[in-house]
Amino acid sequence: MTKKKNEDLSCQKTEVKQEQVQDIESKEEAQKEDINKLLEQARQEAEDYKDHLQRLQAEFDNYKKRTAESSLCSRIDGICDVIIELIPAIDNLERGIEAVKDKSAKTGMELILKQLRKVLNKFDVCEIKALGECFNPDIHHAVAKDEESESENENKVTEVYLKGYQRKTKVLRPAMVKVTK
């Protein structure tokens, strides 16, 4: 009988062990599922962060480009504003050179004018060609009509009252001119 009890006990122990193994295996399986869910959530979260970061980088790149462009436009506008203010002083200096009689004073004024023109050239500012050219309302401002001219060509500039200036393609001041009828 003892043998039978031992066998029963052994069978019971085996059954208990099998149940424990099954419990452990089912717990491990549940843990694996939980780990896989957490891993998938972490992957999704990482993908979301990556997408967000890429969008932020693109926005920042666009911001840098807009800021650089805005800065360049502001710089160009500032240069043009200063040159527009200098142009009347250049006109007056040219008139002064024509009016002055003293040779040394005239030479000094011419040197100053040369220096100012060098500054204008540095910033790509040039005089607008007008005399003998066809009238162009984009760069010329007609202030008089030449009624007496017997020129074959109409709308030709016959006299320049005030020089015009432009920086690259931007007209800073149109030339004030007299035009054939």
Protein backbone atom coordinates (compact mmCIF):
# COMPACT_ATOMS: atom_id res chain seq x y z
CA MET A 1 0.00 0.00 0.00
CA THR A 2 2.72 2.28 0.59
CA LYS A 3 3.79 1.73 -2.90
CA LYS A 4 0.40 2.74 -4.17
CA LYS A 5 0.38 5.80 -1.94
CA ASN A 6 3.79 6.72 -3.23
CA GLU A 7 2.58 6.34 -6.78
CA ASP A 8 -0.51 8.44 -6.02
CA LEU A 9 1.59 11.05 -4.36
CA SER A 10 4.00 11.01 -7.25
CA CYS A 11 1.11 11.36 -9.70
CA GLN A 12 -0.32 14.21 -7.71
CA LYS A 13 3.06 15.92 -7.56
CA THR A 14 3.42 15.50 -11.31
CA GLU A 15 -0.04 16.95 -11.87
CA VAL A 16 0.73 19.85 -9.54
CA LYS A 17 4.04 20.43 -11.30
CA GLN A 18 2.33 20.32 -14.70
CA GLU A 19 -0.28 22.83 -13.48
CA GLN A 20 2.49 25.05 -12.12
CA VAL A 21 4.40 24.78 -15.40
CA GLN A 22 1.21 25.61 -17.32
CA ASP A 23 0.57 28.58 -15.00
CA ILE A 24 4.13 29.75 -15.45
CA GLU A 25 3.92 29.31 -19.23
CA SER A 26 0.61 31.18 -19.43
CA LYS A 27 2.06 33.98 -17.25
CA GLU A 28 5.13 34.12 -19.49
CA GLU A 29 2.89 34.24 -22.56
CA ALA A 30 0.86 37.09 -21.02
CA GLN A 31 4.08 38.90 -20.14
CA LYS A 32 5.35 38.44 -23.72
CA GLU A 33 2.09 39.89 -25.05
CA ASP A 34 2.36 42.81 -22.62
CA ILE A 35 5.98 43.38 -23.63
CA ASN A 36 5.06 43.23 -27.32
CA LYS A 37 2.24 45.75 -26.76
CA LEU A 38 4.60 48.04 -24.86
CA LEU A 39 7.22 47.64 -27.58
CA GLU A 40 4.69 48.49 -30.28
CA GLN A 41 3.53 51.53 -28.30
CA ALA A 42 7.15 52.64 -27.88
CA ARG A 43 7.76 52.19 -31.62
CA GLN A 44 4.65 54.20 -32.45
CA GLU A 45 5.64 56.90 -29.98
CA ALA A 46 9.16 57.01 -31.43
CA GLU A 47 7.69 57.32 -34.93
CA ASP A 48 5.43 60.15 -33.76
CA TYR A 49 8.39 61.96 -32.19
CA LYS A 50 10.45 61.46 -35.33
CA ASP A 51 7.64 62.84 -37.50
CA HIS A 52 7.21 65.80 -35.13
CA LEU A 53 10.94 66.47 -35.15
CA GLN A 54 11.08 66.37 -38.95
CA ARG A 55 8.20 68.84 -39.16
CA LEU A 56 9.90 71.15 -36.66
CA GLN A 57 13.15 70.97 -38.63
CA ALA A 58 11.33 71.84 -41.86
CA GLU A 59 9.52 74.73 -40.17
CA PHE A 60 12.80 76.01 -38.75
CA ASP A 61 14.51 75.78 -42.15
CA ASN A 62 11.65 77.73 -43.69
CA TYR A 63 11.89 80.29 -40.88
CA LYS A 64 15.63 80.71 -41.48
CA LYS A 65 15.04 81.20 -45.21
CA ARG A 66 12.28 83.75 -44.61
CA THR A 67 14.41 85.60 -42.07
CA ALA A 68 17.42 85.69 -44.39
CA GLU A 69 15.26 86.93 -47.26
CA SER A 70 13.62 89.54 -45.05
CA SER A 71 17.02 90.66 -43.78
CA LEU A 72 18.34 90.98 -47.33
CA CYS A 73 15.27 92.99 -48.40
CA SER A 74 15.66 95.27 -45.38
CA ARG A 75 19.33 95.79 -46.19
CA ILE A 76 18.55 96.60 -49.83
CA ASP A 77 15.77 98.99 -48.80
CA GLY A 78 18.14 100.70 -46.36
CA ILE A 79 20.81 101.12 -49.04
CA CYS A 80 18.24 102.57 -51.45
CA ASP A 81 16.89 104.94 -48.80
CA VAL A 82 20.35 106.32 -48.05
CA ILE A 83 21.21 106.70 -51.74
CA ILE A 84 17.92 108.49 -52.42
CA GLU A 85 18.86 110.98 -49.71
CA LEU A 86 22.38 111.41 -51.19
CA ILE A 87 21.22 112.11 -54.75
CA PRO A 88 20.09 115.74 -54.11
CA ALA A 89 23.43 116.45 -52.42
CA ILE A 90 25.22 115.09 -55.51
CA ASP A 91 23.03 117.30 -57.74
CA ASN A 92 23.90 120.34 -55.65
CA LEU A 93 27.59 119.47 -55.72
CA GLU A 94 27.48 119.23 -59.54
CA ARG A 95 25.74 122.63 -59.70
CA GLY A 96 28.34 124.05 -57.33
CA ILE A 97 31.19 122.77 -59.52
CA GLU A 98 29.66 124.54 -62.53
CA ALA A 99 29.19 127.79 -60.61
CA VAL A 100 32.49 128.05 -58.71
CA LYS A 101 35.27 130.14 -60.25
CA ASP A 102 38.16 129.28 -57.91
CA LYS A 103 40.19 126.48 -59.54
CA SER A 104 41.39 124.89 -56.27
CA ALA A 105 37.86 124.90 -54.81
CA LYS A 106 36.56 123.40 -58.04
CA THR A 107 39.22 120.65 -57.94
CA GLY A 108 38.33 119.83 -54.33
CA MET A 109 34.63 119.63 -55.17
CA GLU A 110 35.36 117.41 -58.17
CA LEU A 111 37.33 115.04 -55.93
CA ILE A 112 34.40 114.85 -53.53
CA LEU A 113 32.02 114.21 -56.44
CA LYS A 114 34.33 111.48 -57.75
CA GLN A 115 34.35 109.85 -54.32
CA LEU A 116 30.54 109.98 -54.09
CA ARG A 117 30.21 108.44 -57.56
CA LYS A 118 32.58 105.66 -56.47
CA VAL A 119 30.23 104.95 -53.53
CA LEU A 120 27.26 104.85 -55.92
CA ASN A 121 29.13 102.43 -58.20
CA LYS A 122 29.99 100.24 -55.22
CA PHE A 123 26.27 99.78 -54.59
CA ASP A 124 25.43 99.23 -58.29
CA VAL A 125 23.82 102.64 -58.71
CA CYS A 126 24.09 104.23 -62.12
CA GLU A 127 22.70 107.23 -63.94
CA ILE A 128 19.75 106.62 -66.21
CA LYS A 129 20.63 107.35 -69.82
CA ALA A 130 18.17 109.88 -71.16
CA LEU A 131 19.47 112.37 -73.73
CA GLY A 132 18.69 111.15 -77.24
CA GLU A 133 16.92 108.04 -75.93
CA CYS A 134 13.30 107.12 -76.58
CA PHE A 135 11.04 108.30 -73.78
CA ASN A 136 10.31 105.50 -71.31
CA PRO A 137 7.76 106.38 -68.63
CA ASP A 138 9.27 103.74 -66.32
CA ILE A 139 12.58 105.59 -66.05
CA HIS A 140 11.83 109.10 -67.39
CA HIS A 141 9.53 111.80 -66.06
CA ALA A 142 8.46 114.20 -68.81
CA VAL A 143 8.21 117.73 -67.45
CA ALA A 144 8.13 119.55 -70.81
CA LYS A 145 7.36 118.97 -74.47
CA ASP A 146 9.72 120.20 -77.17
CA GLU A 147 7.32 121.95 -79.54
CA GLU A 148 10.06 123.56 -81.61
CA SER A 149 12.05 120.44 -82.39
CA GLU A 150 11.78 119.26 -85.96
CA SER A 151 12.98 115.79 -85.19
CA GLU A 152 11.60 112.91 -87.19
CA ASN A 153 11.46 110.75 -84.12
CA GLU A 154 8.66 111.39 -81.72
CA ASN A 155 9.03 110.76 -78.02
CA LYS A 156 12.78 111.34 -78.01
CA VAL A 157 14.39 112.99 -75.01
CA THR A 158 15.87 116.32 -76.13
CA GLU A 159 16.93 117.76 -72.79
CA VAL A 160 17.63 116.47 -69.29
CA TYR A 161 16.65 118.77 -66.43
CA LEU A 162 17.54 116.41 -63.62
CA LYS A 163 19.50 113.16 -63.83
CA GLY A 164 17.78 109.93 -62.95
CA TYR A 165 19.36 107.07 -61.00
CA GLN A 166 18.67 103.38 -60.68
CA ARG A 167 20.08 100.54 -58.61
CA LYS A 168 20.17 97.38 -60.69
CA THR A 169 16.57 97.34 -61.98
CA LYS A 170 15.02 99.56 -59.31
CA VAL A 171 14.53 103.21 -60.28
CA LEU A 172 15.59 105.40 -57.37
CA ARG A 173 14.69 108.65 -59.12
CA PRO A 174 13.40 109.00 -62.68
CA ALA A 175 15.17 111.43 -64.99
CA MET A 176 13.24 114.68 -65.46
CA VAL A 177 13.29 115.35 -69.18
CA LYS A 178 11.96 117.35 -72.12
CA VAL A 179 10.44 115.17 -74.86
CA THR A 180 9.70 115.75 -78.55
CA LYS A 181 6.05 116.00 -79.44
